[in-house]
Amino acid sequence: MHANSFGLAWGFLIFLLVWVYQWYRMPKFRSLLGYTSRRAIQDEQTWQFAQHFYAMLGVEIFTLLLIAAIIGGLFKITWLQSMNVQAIGLGVGLILQNLATERELKHAFPGQPTPKP
C-alpha cells in the first residue's frame, strides 16, 4: 500500500504541472508532444486550437482531481483516499479530455472534412 493517505495526489500534481507547461509552451506542429489526432494535425490552425483546448481542459480536470485527493487525505475521507477511485478518476479524466477536444475541434472547424482512418 502507500505510505501516506494522499494516494495519487503526487501523480495528479505531476500531470497538472505537465499540462500547465504545455499550456504556456505549445509543442511544435506535428511533433510527438501534445494532442495529436487526425483532426488536430490537419493544419497549423487546428493544431494550435487543439493544443490550447486540450491543455486548458487538462489543467481544469487535474486540478479537481488533485484537490479531491488532498481533501481525502486531510479529512480522512476513505473513498477519496482509495487508489481505485483515484485511478478511475484519472482514466475518466483522460477519456473526457480527449472526447471534449475532438468535439470542440468538430464544432470550431465544421467545414473541414472528417479525416479517414
PDB file of N, CA and C in Angstrom:
ATOM      1  N   MET A   1       0.839  -1.184   0.000  1.00  0.00           N
ATOM      2  CA  MET A   1       0.000   0.000   0.000  1.00  0.00           C
ATOM      3  C   MET A   1       0.881   1.243   0.000  1.00  0.00           C
ATOM      4  N   HIS A   2       0.281   2.387   0.059  1.00  0.00           N
ATOM      5  CA  HIS A   2       1.046   3.620   0.025  1.00  0.00           C
ATOM      6  C   HIS A   2       1.378   4.084   1.440  1.00  0.00           C
ATOM      7  N   ALA A   3       2.428   4.893   1.539  1.00  0.00           N
ATOM      8  CA  ALA A   3       2.936   5.306   2.845  1.00  0.00           C
ATOM      9  C   ALA A   3       2.116   6.430   3.461  1.00  0.00           C
ATOM     10  N   ASN A   4       1.458   7.211   2.640  1.00  0.00           N
ATOM     11  CA  ASN A   4       0.648   8.293   3.204  1.00  0.00           C
ATOM     12  C   ASN A   4      -0.795   8.157   2.744  1.00  0.00           C
ATOM     13  N   SER A   5      -1.647   9.057   3.213  1.00  0.00           N
ATOM     14  CA  SER A   5      -3.068   8.946   2.911  1.00  0.00           C
ATOM     15  C   SER A   5      -3.490   9.801   1.720  1.00  0.00           C
ATOM     16  N   PHE A   6      -2.527  10.302   0.969  1.00  0.00           N
ATOM     17  CA  PHE A   6      -2.867  11.167  -0.153  1.00  0.00           C
ATOM     18  C   PHE A   6      -2.948  10.424  -1.480  1.00  0.00           C
ATOM     19  N   GLY A   7      -2.682   9.146  -1.504  1.00  0.00           N
ATOM     20  CA  GLY A   7      -2.871   8.327  -2.698  1.00  0.00           C
ATOM     21  C   GLY A   7      -2.123   8.848  -3.902  1.00  0.00           C
ATOM     22  N   LEU A   8      -2.843   9.121  -4.956  1.00  0.00           N
ATOM     23  CA  LEU A   8      -2.241   9.551  -6.224  1.00  0.00           C
ATOM     24  C   LEU A   8      -2.070  11.065  -6.331  1.00  0.00           C
ATOM     25  N   ALA A   9      -2.125  11.771  -5.218  1.00  0.00           N
ATOM     26  CA  ALA A   9      -2.039  13.234  -5.255  1.00  0.00           C
ATOM     27  C   ALA A   9      -0.759  13.702  -5.940  1.00  0.00           C
ATOM     28  N   TRP A  10       0.372  13.041  -5.678  1.00  0.00           N
ATOM     29  CA  TRP A  10       1.622  13.432  -6.334  1.00  0.00           C
ATOM     30  C   TRP A  10       1.545  13.200  -7.835  1.00  0.00           C
ATOM     31  N   GLY A  11       0.935  12.107  -8.238  1.00  0.00           N
ATOM     32  CA  GLY A  11       0.767  11.853  -9.663  1.00  0.00           C
ATOM     33  C   GLY A  11      -0.109  12.900 -10.327  1.00  0.00           C
ATOM     34  N   PHE A  12      -1.197  13.277  -9.651  1.00  0.00           N
ATOM     35  CA  PHE A  12      -2.068  14.315 -10.203  1.00  0.00           C
ATOM     36  C   PHE A  12      -1.329  15.644 -10.291  1.00  0.00           C
ATOM     37  N   LEU A  13      -0.482  15.932  -9.300  1.00  0.00           N
ATOM     38  CA  LEU A  13       0.286  17.163  -9.316  1.00  0.00           C
ATOM     39  C   LEU A  13       1.254  17.174 -10.499  1.00  0.00           C
ATOM     40  N   ILE A  14       1.872  16.051 -10.783  1.00  0.00           N
ATOM     41  CA  ILE A  14       2.791  15.974 -11.923  1.00  0.00           C
ATOM     42  C   ILE A  14       2.037  16.175 -13.235  1.00  0.00           C
ATOM     43  N   PHE A  15       0.868  15.508 -13.375  1.00  0.00           N
ATOM     44  CA  PHE A  15       0.048  15.720 -14.575  1.00  0.00           C
ATOM     45  C   PHE A  15      -0.336  17.188 -14.721  1.00  0.00           C
ATOM     46  N   LEU A  16      -0.726  17.816 -13.620  1.00  0.00           N
ATOM     47  CA  LEU A  16      -1.123  19.215 -13.644  1.00  0.00           C
ATOM     48  C   LEU A  16       0.041  20.088 -14.094  1.00  0.00           C
ATOM     49  N   LEU A  17       1.224  19.829 -13.586  1.00  0.00           N
ATOM     50  CA  LEU A  17       2.392  20.625 -13.971  1.00  0.00           C
ATOM     51  C   LEU A  17       2.738  20.430 -15.444  1.00  0.00           C
ATOM     52  N   VAL A  18       2.588  19.213 -15.950  1.00  0.00           N
ATOM     53  CA  VAL A  18       2.850  18.962 -17.368  1.00  0.00           C
ATOM     54  C   VAL A  18       1.882  19.753 -18.234  1.00  0.00           C
ATOM     55  N   TRP A  19       0.598  19.746 -17.869  1.00  0.00           N
ATOM     56  CA  TRP A  19      -0.378  20.484 -18.686  1.00  0.00           C
ATOM     57  C   TRP A  19      -0.205  21.987 -18.565  1.00  0.00           C
ATOM     58  N   VAL A  20       0.183  22.479 -17.419  1.00  0.00           N
ATOM     59  CA  VAL A  20       0.448  23.913 -17.290  1.00  0.00           C
ATOM     60  C   VAL A  20       1.640  24.289 -18.170  1.00  0.00           C
ATOM     61  N   TYR A  21       2.681  23.454 -18.154  1.00  0.00           N
ATOM     62  CA  TYR A  21       3.840  23.709 -19.009  1.00  0.00           C
ATOM     63  C   TYR A  21       3.444  23.698 -20.481  1.00  0.00           C
ATOM     64  N   GLN A  22       2.611  22.726 -20.868  1.00  0.00           N
ATOM     65  CA  GLN A  22       2.179  22.644 -22.260  1.00  0.00           C
ATOM     66  C   GLN A  22       1.306  23.838 -22.636  1.00  0.00           C
ATOM     67  N   TRP A  23       0.549  24.342 -21.680  1.00  0.00           N
ATOM     68  CA  TRP A  23      -0.323  25.483 -21.943  1.00  0.00           C
ATOM     69  C   TRP A  23       0.509  26.727 -22.262  1.00  0.00           C
ATOM     70  N   TYR A  24       1.628  26.913 -21.560  1.00  0.00           N
ATOM     71  CA  TYR A  24       2.475  28.077 -21.786  1.00  0.00           C
ATOM     72  C   TYR A  24       3.429  27.891 -22.959  1.00  0.00           C
ATOM     73  N   ARG A  25       3.902  26.694 -23.162  1.00  0.00           N
ATOM     74  CA  ARG A  25       4.856  26.435 -24.244  1.00  0.00           C
ATOM     75  C   ARG A  25       4.276  25.354 -25.145  1.00  0.00           C
ATOM     76  N   MET A  26       3.609  25.794 -26.184  1.00  0.00           N
ATOM     77  CA  MET A  26       2.926  24.872 -27.093  1.00  0.00           C
ATOM     78  C   MET A  26       3.935  24.074 -27.913  1.00  0.00           C
ATOM     79  N   PRO A  27       3.700  22.757 -28.059  1.00  0.00           N
ATOM     80  CA  PRO A  27       4.606  21.948 -28.892  1.00  0.00           C
ATOM     81  C   PRO A  27       4.563  22.389 -30.347  1.00  0.00           C
ATOM     82  N   LYS A  28       5.643  22.090 -31.074  1.00  0.00           N
ATOM     83  CA  LYS A  28       5.710  22.432 -32.494  1.00  0.00           C
ATOM     84  C   LYS A  28       4.691  21.607 -33.273  1.00  0.00           C
ATOM     85  N   PHE A  29       4.291  22.138 -34.405  1.00  0.00           N
ATOM     86  CA  PHE A  29       3.299  21.495 -35.264  1.00  0.00           C
ATOM     87  C   PHE A  29       3.772  20.101 -35.664  1.00  0.00           C
ATOM     88  N   ARG A  30       2.904  19.129 -35.481  1.00  0.00           N
ATOM     89  CA  ARG A  30       3.120  17.724 -35.823  1.00  0.00           C
ATOM     90  C   ARG A  30       4.293  17.076 -35.085  1.00  0.00           C
ATOM     91  N   SER A  31       4.565  17.542 -33.893  1.00  0.00           N
ATOM     92  CA  SER A  31       5.589  16.862 -33.096  1.00  0.00           C
ATOM     93  C   SER A  31       4.919  15.714 -32.344  1.00  0.00           C
ATOM     94  N   LEU A  32       5.711  14.888 -31.701  1.00  0.00           N
ATOM     95  CA  LEU A  32       5.151  13.786 -30.921  1.00  0.00           C
ATOM     96  C   LEU A  32       4.560  14.262 -29.607  1.00  0.00           C
ATOM     97  N   LEU A  33       4.884  15.471 -29.215  1.00  0.00           N
ATOM     98  CA  LEU A  33       4.340  16.034 -27.984  1.00  0.00           C
ATOM     99  C   LEU A  33       2.982  16.675 -28.263  1.00  0.00           C
ATOM    100  N   GLY A  34       2.168  16.742 -27.262  1.00  0.00           N
ATOM    101  CA  GLY A  34       0.890  17.404 -27.397  1.00  0.00           C
ATOM    102  C   GLY A  34      -0.215  16.472 -27.863  1.00  0.00           C
ATOM    103  N   TYR A  35      -1.348  17.056 -28.164  1.00  0.00           N
ATOM    104  CA  TYR A  35      -2.524  16.306 -28.579  1.00  0.00           C
ATOM    105  C   TYR A  35      -2.446  16.070 -30.076  1.00  0.00           C
ATOM    106  N   THR A  36      -2.311  14.825 -30.479  1.00  0.00           N
ATOM    107  CA  THR A  36      -2.216  14.503 -31.903  1.00  0.00           C
ATOM    108  C   THR A  36      -3.330  13.540 -32.287  1.00  0.00           C
ATOM    109  N   SER A  37      -4.246  14.035 -33.063  1.00  0.00           N
ATOM    110  CA  SER A  37      -5.291  13.206 -33.663  1.00  0.00           C
ATOM    111  C   SER A  37      -5.349  13.594 -35.136  1.00  0.00           C
ATOM    112  N   ARG A  38      -6.059  12.824 -35.906  1.00  0.00           N
ATOM    113  CA  ARG A  38      -6.155  13.141 -37.345  1.00  0.00           C
ATOM    114  C   ARG A  38      -6.770  14.513 -37.568  1.00  0.00           C
ATOM    115  N   ARG A  39      -7.750  14.837 -36.767  1.00  0.00           N
ATOM    116  CA  ARG A  39      -8.415  16.131 -36.917  1.00  0.00           C
ATOM    117  C   ARG A  39      -7.499  17.273 -36.454  1.00  0.00           C
ATOM    118  N   ALA A  40      -6.692  17.037 -35.423  1.00  0.00           N
ATOM    119  CA  ALA A  40      -5.844  18.089 -34.869  1.00  0.00           C
ATOM    120  C   ALA A  40      -4.652  18.422 -35.757  1.00  0.00           C
ATOM    121  N   ILE A  41      -4.173  17.465 -36.538  1.00  0.00           N
ATOM    122  CA  ILE A  41      -2.968  17.711 -37.341  1.00  0.00           C
ATOM    123  C   ILE A  41      -3.275  18.092 -38.786  1.00  0.00           C
ATOM    124  N   GLN A  42      -4.490  18.508 -39.060  1.00  0.00           N
ATOM    125  CA  GLN A  42      -4.833  18.878 -40.440  1.00  0.00           C
ATOM    126  C   GLN A  42      -4.071  20.113 -40.904  1.00  0.00           C
ATOM    127  N   ASP A  43      -3.973  21.123 -40.071  1.00  0.00           N
ATOM    128  CA  ASP A  43      -3.209  22.319 -40.423  1.00  0.00           C
ATOM    129  C   ASP A  43      -2.779  23.024 -39.137  1.00  0.00           C
ATOM    130  N   GLU A  44      -2.048  24.108 -39.297  1.00  0.00           N
ATOM    131  CA  GLU A  44      -1.493  24.829 -38.147  1.00  0.00           C
ATOM    132  C   GLU A  44      -2.590  25.404 -37.243  1.00  0.00           C
ATOM    133  N   GLN A  45      -3.666  25.890 -37.842  1.00  0.00           N
ATOM    134  CA  GLN A  45      -4.748  26.492 -37.049  1.00  0.00           C
ATOM    135  C   GLN A  45      -5.453  25.451 -36.186  1.00  0.00           C
ATOM    136  N   THR A  46      -5.772  24.295 -36.728  1.00  0.00           N
ATOM    137  CA  THR A  46      -6.415  23.246 -35.922  1.00  0.00           C
ATOM    138  C   THR A  46      -5.452  22.721 -34.860  1.00  0.00           C
ATOM    139  N   TRP A  47      -4.163  22.647 -35.186  1.00  0.00           N
ATOM    140  CA  TRP A  47      -3.156  22.189 -34.228  1.00  0.00           C
ATOM    141  C   TRP A  47      -3.111  23.126 -33.016  1.00  0.00           C
ATOM    142  N   GLN A  48      -3.028  24.433 -33.277  1.00  0.00           N
ATOM    143  CA  GLN A  48      -2.950  25.385 -32.177  1.00  0.00           C
ATOM    144  C   GLN A  48      -4.222  25.361 -31.330  1.00  0.00           C
ATOM    145  N   PHE A  49      -5.367  25.293 -31.981  1.00  0.00           N
ATOM    146  CA  PHE A  49      -6.627  25.238 -31.243  1.00  0.00           C
ATOM    147  C   PHE A  49      -6.683  23.991 -30.369  1.00  0.00           C
ATOM    148  N   ALA A  50      -6.320  22.841 -30.941  1.00  0.00           N
ATOM    149  CA  ALA A  50      -6.374  21.583 -30.192  1.00  0.00           C
ATOM    150  C   ALA A  50      -5.413  21.601 -29.013  1.00  0.00           C
ATOM    151  N   GLN A  51      -4.201  22.114 -29.213  1.00  0.00           N
ATOM    152  CA  GLN A  51      -3.223  22.151 -28.127  1.00  0.00           C
ATOM    153  C   GLN A  51      -3.697  23.038 -26.985  1.00  0.00           C
ATOM    154  N   HIS A  52      -4.220  24.205 -27.340  1.00  0.00           N
ATOM    155  CA  HIS A  52      -4.683  25.131 -26.312  1.00  0.00           C
ATOM    156  C   HIS A  52      -5.865  24.546 -25.542  1.00  0.00           C
ATOM    157  N   PHE A  53      -6.855  24.020 -26.256  1.00  0.00           N
ATOM    158  CA  PHE A  53      -8.040  23.492 -25.598  1.00  0.00           C
ATOM    159  C   PHE A  53      -7.697  22.272 -24.744  1.00  0.00           C
ATOM    160  N   TYR A  54      -6.885  21.360 -25.269  1.00  0.00           N
ATOM    161  CA  TYR A  54      -6.517  20.140 -24.557  1.00  0.00           C
ATOM    162  C   TYR A  54      -5.753  20.464 -23.276  1.00  0.00           C
ATOM    163  N   ALA A  55      -4.804  21.386 -23.376  1.00  0.00           N
ATOM    164  CA  ALA A  55      -4.021  21.763 -22.197  1.00  0.00           C
ATOM    165  C   ALA A  55      -4.896  22.472 -21.162  1.00  0.00           C
ATOM    166  N   MET A  56      -5.751  23.385 -21.601  1.00  0.00           N
ATOM    167  CA  MET A  56      -6.620  24.114 -20.677  1.00  0.00           C
ATOM    168  C   MET A  56      -7.565  23.151 -19.954  1.00  0.00           C
ATOM    169  N   LEU A  57      -8.148  22.229 -20.688  1.00  0.00           N
ATOM    170  CA  LEU A  57      -9.058  21.264 -20.073  1.00  0.00           C
ATOM    171  C   LEU A  57      -8.297  20.322 -19.136  1.00  0.00           C
ATOM    172  N   GLY A  58      -7.081  19.950 -19.506  1.00  0.00           N
ATOM    173  CA  GLY A  58      -6.253  19.117 -18.631  1.00  0.00           C
ATOM    174  C   GLY A  58      -5.939  19.805 -17.323  1.00  0.00           C
ATOM    175  N   VAL A  59      -5.640  21.081 -17.375  1.00  0.00           N
ATOM    176  CA  VAL A  59      -5.378  21.841 -16.154  1.00  0.00           C
ATOM    177  C   VAL A  59      -6.614  21.829 -15.257  1.00  0.00           C
ATOM    178  N   GLU A  60      -7.781  22.037 -15.830  1.00  0.00           N
ATOM    179  CA  GLU A  60      -9.014  22.052 -15.035  1.00  0.00           C
ATOM    180  C   GLU A  60      -9.303  20.678 -14.429  1.00  0.00           C
ATOM    181  N   ILE A  61      -9.222  19.623 -15.223  1.00  0.00           N
ATOM    182  CA  ILE A  61      -9.546  18.276 -14.741  1.00  0.00           C
ATOM    183  C   ILE A  61      -8.572  17.845 -13.648  1.00  0.00           C
ATOM    184  N   PHE A  62      -7.281  18.027 -13.885  1.00  0.00           N
ATOM    185  CA  PHE A  62      -6.312  17.538 -12.915  1.00  0.00           C
ATOM    186  C   PHE A  62      -6.204  18.435 -11.685  1.00  0.00           C
ATOM    187  N   THR A  63      -6.622  19.676 -11.786  1.00  0.00           N
ATOM    188  CA  THR A  63      -6.741  20.498 -10.584  1.00  0.00           C
ATOM    189  C   THR A  63      -7.841  19.940  -9.694  1.00  0.00           C
ATOM    190  N   LEU A  64      -8.972  19.580 -10.284  1.00  0.00           N
ATOM    191  CA  LEU A  64     -10.065  18.987  -9.497  1.00  0.00           C
ATOM    192  C   LEU A  64      -9.651  17.652  -8.878  1.00  0.00           C
ATOM    193  N   LEU A  65      -8.959  16.804  -9.633  1.00  0.00           N
ATOM    194  CA  LEU A  65      -8.505  15.522  -9.093  1.00  0.00           C
ATOM    195  C   LEU A  65      -7.490  15.716  -7.968  1.00  0.00           C
ATOM    196  N   LEU A  66      -6.600  16.684  -8.129  1.00  0.00           N
ATOM    197  CA  LEU A  66      -5.608  16.963  -7.093  1.00  0.00           C
ATOM    198  C   LEU A  66      -6.281  17.482  -5.829  1.00  0.00           C
ATOM    199  N   ILE A  67      -7.232  18.386  -5.979  1.00  0.00           N
ATOM    200  CA  ILE A  67      -7.952  18.923  -4.817  1.00  0.00           C
ATOM    201  C   ILE A  67      -8.718  17.811  -4.115  1.00  0.00           C
ATOM    202  N   ALA A  68      -9.372  16.930  -4.880  1.00  0.00           N
ATOM    203  CA  ALA A  68     -10.118  15.825  -4.274  1.00  0.00           C
ATOM    204  C   ALA A  68      -9.178  14.886  -3.517  1.00  0.00           C
ATOM    205  N   ALA A  69      -8.008  14.593  -4.068  1.00  0.00           N
ATOM    206  CA  ALA A  69      -7.054  13.711  -3.392  1.00  0.00           C
ATOM    207  C   ALA A  69      -6.524  14.350  -2.115  1.00  0.00           C
ATOM    208  N   ILE A  70      -6.262  15.647  -2.152  1.00  0.00           N
ATOM    209  CA  ILE A  70      -5.763  16.343  -0.960  1.00  0.00           C
ATOM    210  C   ILE A  70      -6.840  16.418   0.113  1.00  0.00           C
ATOM    211  N   ILE A  71      -8.075  16.724  -0.289  1.00  0.00           N
ATOM    212  CA  ILE A  71      -9.181  16.768   0.678  1.00  0.00           C
ATOM    213  C   ILE A  71      -9.389  15.398   1.300  1.00  0.00           C
ATOM    214  N   GLY A  72      -9.318  14.351   0.496  1.00  0.00           N
ATOM    215  CA  GLY A  72      -9.456  12.997   1.023  1.00  0.00           C
ATOM    216  C   GLY A  72      -8.388  12.676   2.046  1.00  0.00           C
ATOM    217  N   GLY A  73      -7.164  13.132   1.802  1.00  0.00           N
ATOM    218  CA  GLY A  73      -6.080  12.884   2.746  1.00  0.00           C
ATOM    219  C   GLY A  73      -6.178  13.713   4.004  1.00  0.00           C
ATOM    220  N   LEU A  74      -6.559  14.971   3.853  1.00  0.00           N
ATOM    221  CA  LEU A  74      -6.630  15.857   5.019  1.00  0.00           C
ATOM    222  C   LEU A  74      -7.785  15.516   5.947  1.00  0.00           C
ATOM    223  N   PHE A  75      -8.936  15.223   5.362  1.00  0.00           N
ATOM    224  CA  PHE A  75     -10.132  14.989   6.169  1.00  0.00           C
ATOM    225  C   PHE A  75     -10.451  13.508   6.353  1.00  0.00           C
ATOM    226  N   LYS A  76      -9.525  12.647   5.938  1.00  0.00           N
ATOM    227  CA  LYS A  76      -9.660  11.196   6.116  1.00  0.00           C
ATOM    228  C   LYS A  76     -10.963  10.657   5.524  1.00  0.00           C
ATOM    229  N   ILE A  77     -11.283  11.097   4.319  1.00  0.00           N
ATOM    230  CA  ILE A  77     -12.456  10.602   3.598  1.00  0.00           C
ATOM    231  C   ILE A  77     -12.007   9.354   2.845  1.00  0.00           C
ATOM    232  N   THR A  78     -12.455   8.206   3.316  1.00  0.00           N
ATOM    233  CA  THR A  78     -11.894   6.938   2.832  1.00  0.00           C
ATOM    234  C   THR A  78     -12.096   6.715   1.335  1.00  0.00           C
ATOM    235  N   TRP A  79     -13.258   7.037   0.801  1.00  0.00           N
ATOM    236  CA  TRP A  79     -13.483   6.768  -0.612  1.00  0.00           C
ATOM    237  C   TRP A  79     -12.655   7.698  -1.499  1.00  0.00           C
ATOM    238  N   LEU A  80     -12.322   8.913  -1.026  1.00  0.00           N
ATOM    239  CA  LEU A  80     -11.438   9.791  -1.789  1.00  0.00           C
ATOM    240  C   LEU A  80      -9.974   9.369  -1.671  1.00  0.00           C
ATOM    241  N   GLN A  81      -9.648   8.609  -0.624  1.00  0.00           N
ATOM    242  CA  GLN A  81      -8.290   8.109  -0.436  1.00  0.00           C
ATOM    243  C   GLN A  81      -8.038   6.824  -1.220  1.00  0.00           C
ATOM    244  N   SER A  82      -9.090   6.186  -1.669  1.00  0.00           N
ATOM    245  CA  SER A  82      -8.957   4.904  -2.366  1.00  0.00           C
ATOM    246  C   SER A  82      -8.173   5.069  -3.665  1.00  0.00           C
ATOM    247  N   MET A  83      -7.142   4.237  -3.818  1.00  0.00           N
ATOM    248  CA  MET A  83      -6.351   4.278  -5.052  1.00  0.00           C
ATOM    249  C   MET A  83      -7.205   3.896  -6.256  1.00  0.00           C
ATOM    250  N   ASN A  84      -8.168   2.999  -6.060  1.00  0.00           N
ATOM    251  CA  ASN A  84      -9.043   2.590  -7.163  1.00  0.00           C
ATOM    252  C   ASN A  84      -9.899   3.751  -7.643  1.00  0.00           C
ATOM    253  N   VAL A  85     -10.483   4.492  -6.714  1.00  0.00           N
ATOM    254  CA  VAL A  85     -11.319   5.638  -7.090  1.00  0.00           C
ATOM    255  C   VAL A  85     -10.473   6.696  -7.785  1.00  0.00           C
ATOM    256  N   GLN A  86      -9.278   6.946  -7.286  1.00  0.00           N
ATOM    257  CA  GLN A  86      -8.409   7.945  -7.893  1.00  0.00           C
ATOM    258  C   GLN A  86      -7.932   7.496  -9.274  1.00  0.00           C
ATOM    259  N   ALA A  87      -7.641   6.213  -9.434  1.00  0.00           N
ATOM    260  CA  ALA A  87      -7.228   5.699 -10.746  1.00  0.00           C
ATOM    261  C   ALA A  87      -8.383   5.771 -11.746  1.00  0.00           C
ATOM    262  N   ILE A  88      -9.590   5.468 -11.291  1.00  0.00           N
ATOM    263  CA  ILE A  88     -10.764   5.594 -12.164  1.00  0.00           C
ATOM    264  C   ILE A  88     -10.971   7.057 -12.544  1.00  0.00           C
ATOM    265  N   GLY A  89     -10.797   7.966 -11.587  1.00  0.00           N
ATOM    266  CA  GLY A  89     -10.896   9.399 -11.882  1.00  0.00           C
ATOM    267  C   GLY A  89      -9.876   9.832 -12.919  1.00  0.00           C
ATOM    268  N   LEU A  90      -8.671   9.295 -12.809  1.00  0.00           N
ATOM    269  CA  LEU A  90      -7.620   9.600 -13.769  1.00  0.00           C
ATOM    270  C   LEU A  90      -8.006   9.113 -15.168  1.00  0.00           C
ATOM    271  N   GLY A  91      -8.461   7.873 -15.255  1.00  0.00           N
ATOM    272  CA  GLY A  91      -8.862   7.319 -16.548  1.00  0.00           C
ATOM    273  C   GLY A  91     -10.028   8.057 -17.170  1.00  0.00           C
ATOM    274  N   VAL A  92     -11.044   8.320 -16.370  1.00  0.00           N
ATOM    275  CA  VAL A  92     -12.223   9.047 -16.870  1.00  0.00           C
ATOM    276  C   VAL A  92     -11.827  10.458 -17.292  1.00  0.00           C
ATOM    277  N   GLY A  93     -10.955  11.093 -16.517  1.00  0.00           N
ATOM    278  CA  GLY A  93     -10.499  12.438 -16.866  1.00  0.00           C
ATOM    279  C   GLY A  93      -9.790  12.481 -18.205  1.00  0.00           C
ATOM    280  N   LEU A  94      -8.922  11.514 -18.467  1.00  0.00           N
ATOM    281  CA  LEU A  94      -8.211  11.477 -19.742  1.00  0.00           C
ATOM    282  C   LEU A  94      -9.152  11.193 -20.912  1.00  0.00           C
ATOM    283  N   ILE A  95     -10.099  10.285 -20.707  1.00  0.00           N
ATOM    284  CA  ILE A  95     -11.071   9.984 -21.760  1.00  0.00           C
ATOM    285  C   ILE A  95     -11.936  11.201 -22.066  1.00  0.00           C
ATOM    286  N   LEU A  96     -12.428  11.867 -21.020  1.00  0.00           N
ATOM    287  CA  LEU A  96     -13.244  13.064 -21.225  1.00  0.00           C
ATOM    288  C   LEU A  96     -12.450  14.170 -21.907  1.00  0.00           C
ATOM    289  N   GLN A  97     -11.183  14.284 -21.560  1.00  0.00           N
ATOM    290  CA  GLN A  97     -10.338  15.305 -22.170  1.00  0.00           C
ATOM    291  C   GLN A  97     -10.201  15.063 -23.672  1.00  0.00           C
ATOM    292  N   ASN A  98      -9.985  13.824 -24.072  1.00  0.00           N
ATOM    293  CA  ASN A  98      -9.869  13.502 -25.498  1.00  0.00           C
ATOM    294  C   ASN A  98     -11.187  13.707 -26.233  1.00  0.00           C
ATOM    295  N   LEU A  99     -12.276  13.212 -25.657  1.00  0.00           N
ATOM    296  CA  LEU A  99     -13.585  13.357 -26.304  1.00  0.00           C
ATOM    297  C   LEU A  99     -13.993  14.815 -26.439  1.00  0.00           C
ATOM    298  N   ALA A 100     -13.777  15.599 -25.395  1.00  0.00           N
ATOM    299  CA  ALA A 100     -14.149  17.016 -25.435  1.00  0.00           C
ATOM    300  C   ALA A 100     -13.306  17.780 -26.457  1.00  0.00           C
ATOM    301  N   THR A 101     -12.037  17.448 -26.570  1.00  0.00           N
ATOM    302  CA  THR A 101     -11.186  18.122 -27.546  1.00  0.00           C
ATOM    303  C   THR A 101     -11.636  17.810 -28.967  1.00  0.00           C
ATOM    304  N   GLU A 102     -11.942  16.553 -29.235  1.00  0.00           N
ATOM    305  CA  GLU A 102     -12.435  16.193 -30.571  1.00  0.00           C
ATOM    306  C   GLU A 102     -13.765  16.873 -30.877  1.00  0.00           C
ATOM    307  N   ARG A 103     -14.651  16.919 -29.896  1.00  0.00           N
ATOM    308  CA  ARG A 103     -15.942  17.586 -30.105  1.00  0.00           C
ATOM    309  C   ARG A 103     -15.746  19.066 -30.406  1.00  0.00           C
ATOM    310  N   GLU A 104     -14.859  19.727 -29.660  1.00  0.00           N
ATOM    311  CA  GLU A 104     -14.619  21.150 -29.887  1.00  0.00           C
ATOM    312  C   GLU A 104     -13.947  21.402 -31.235  1.00  0.00           C
ATOM    313  N   LEU A 105     -13.056  20.519 -31.639  1.00  0.00           N
ATOM    314  CA  LEU A 105     -12.460  20.655 -32.971  1.00  0.00           C
ATOM    315  C   LEU A 105     -13.520  20.537 -34.062  1.00  0.00           C
ATOM    316  N   LYS A 106     -14.441  19.604 -33.866  1.00  0.00           N
ATOM    317  CA  LYS A 106     -15.511  19.401 -34.855  1.00  0.00           C
ATOM    318  C   LYS A 106     -16.419  20.633 -34.941  1.00  0.00           C
ATOM    319  N   HIS A 107     -16.689  21.259 -33.785  1.00  0.00           N
ATOM    320  CA  HIS A 107     -17.555  22.448 -33.780  1.00  0.00           C
ATOM    321  C   HIS A 107     -16.819  23.703 -34.247  1.00  0.00           C
ATOM    322  N   ALA A 108     -15.539  23.814 -33.936  1.00  0.00           N
ATOM    323  CA  ALA A 108     -14.791  25.014 -34.297  1.00  0.00           C
ATOM    324  C   ALA A 108     -14.422  25.043 -35.774  1.00  0.00           C
ATOM    325  N   PHE A 109     -14.254  23.865 -36.379  1.00  0.00           N
ATOM    326  CA  PHE A 109     -13.864  23.778 -37.788  1.00  0.00           C
ATOM    327  C   PHE A 109     -14.847  22.874 -38.532  1.00  0.00           C
ATOM    328  N   PRO A 110     -16.105  23.345 -38.702  1.00  0.00           N
ATOM    329  CA  PRO A 110     -17.127  22.472 -39.296  1.00  0.00           C
ATOM    330  C   PRO A 110     -16.955  22.246 -40.777  1.00  0.00           C
ATOM    331  N   GLY A 111     -16.300  23.122 -41.495  1.00  0.00           N
ATOM    332  CA  GLY A 111     -16.179  22.993 -42.945  1.00  0.00           C
ATOM    333  C   GLY A 111     -15.126  21.983 -43.377  1.00  0.00           C
ATOM    334  N   GLN A 112     -14.281  21.571 -42.466  1.00  0.00           N
ATOM    335  CA  GLN A 112     -13.216  20.644 -42.848  1.00  0.00           C
ATOM    336  C   GLN A 112     -13.748  19.221 -42.856  1.00  0.00           C
ATOM    337  N   PRO A 113     -13.321  18.451 -43.841  1.00  0.00           N
ATOM    338  CA  PRO A 113     -13.805  17.063 -43.914  1.00  0.00           C
ATOM    339  C   PRO A 113     -13.262  16.226 -42.758  1.00  0.00           C
ATOM    340  N   THR A 114     -14.035  15.228 -42.362  1.00  0.00           N
ATOM    341  CA  THR A 114     -13.609  14.320 -41.315  1.00  0.00           C
ATOM    342  C   THR A 114     -12.488  13.448 -41.863  1.00  0.00           C
ATOM    343  N   PRO A 115     -11.348  13.391 -41.153  1.00  0.00           N
ATOM    344  CA  PRO A 115     -10.239  12.585 -41.659  1.00  0.00           C
ATOM    345  C   PRO A 115     -10.599  11.099 -41.690  1.00  0.00           C
ATOM    346  N   LYS A 116     -10.092  10.397 -42.700  1.00  0.00           N
ATOM    347  CA  LYS A 116     -10.353   8.959 -42.826  1.00  0.00           C
ATOM    348  C   LYS A 116      -9.234   8.179 -42.169  1.00  0.00           C
ATOM    349  N   PRO A 117      -9.566   7.045 -41.552  1.00  0.00           N
ATOM    350  CA  PRO A 117      -8.524   6.240 -40.868  1.00  0.00           C
ATOM    351  C   PRO A 117      -7.529   5.616 -41.785  1.00  0.00           C
TER     352      PRO A 117
END
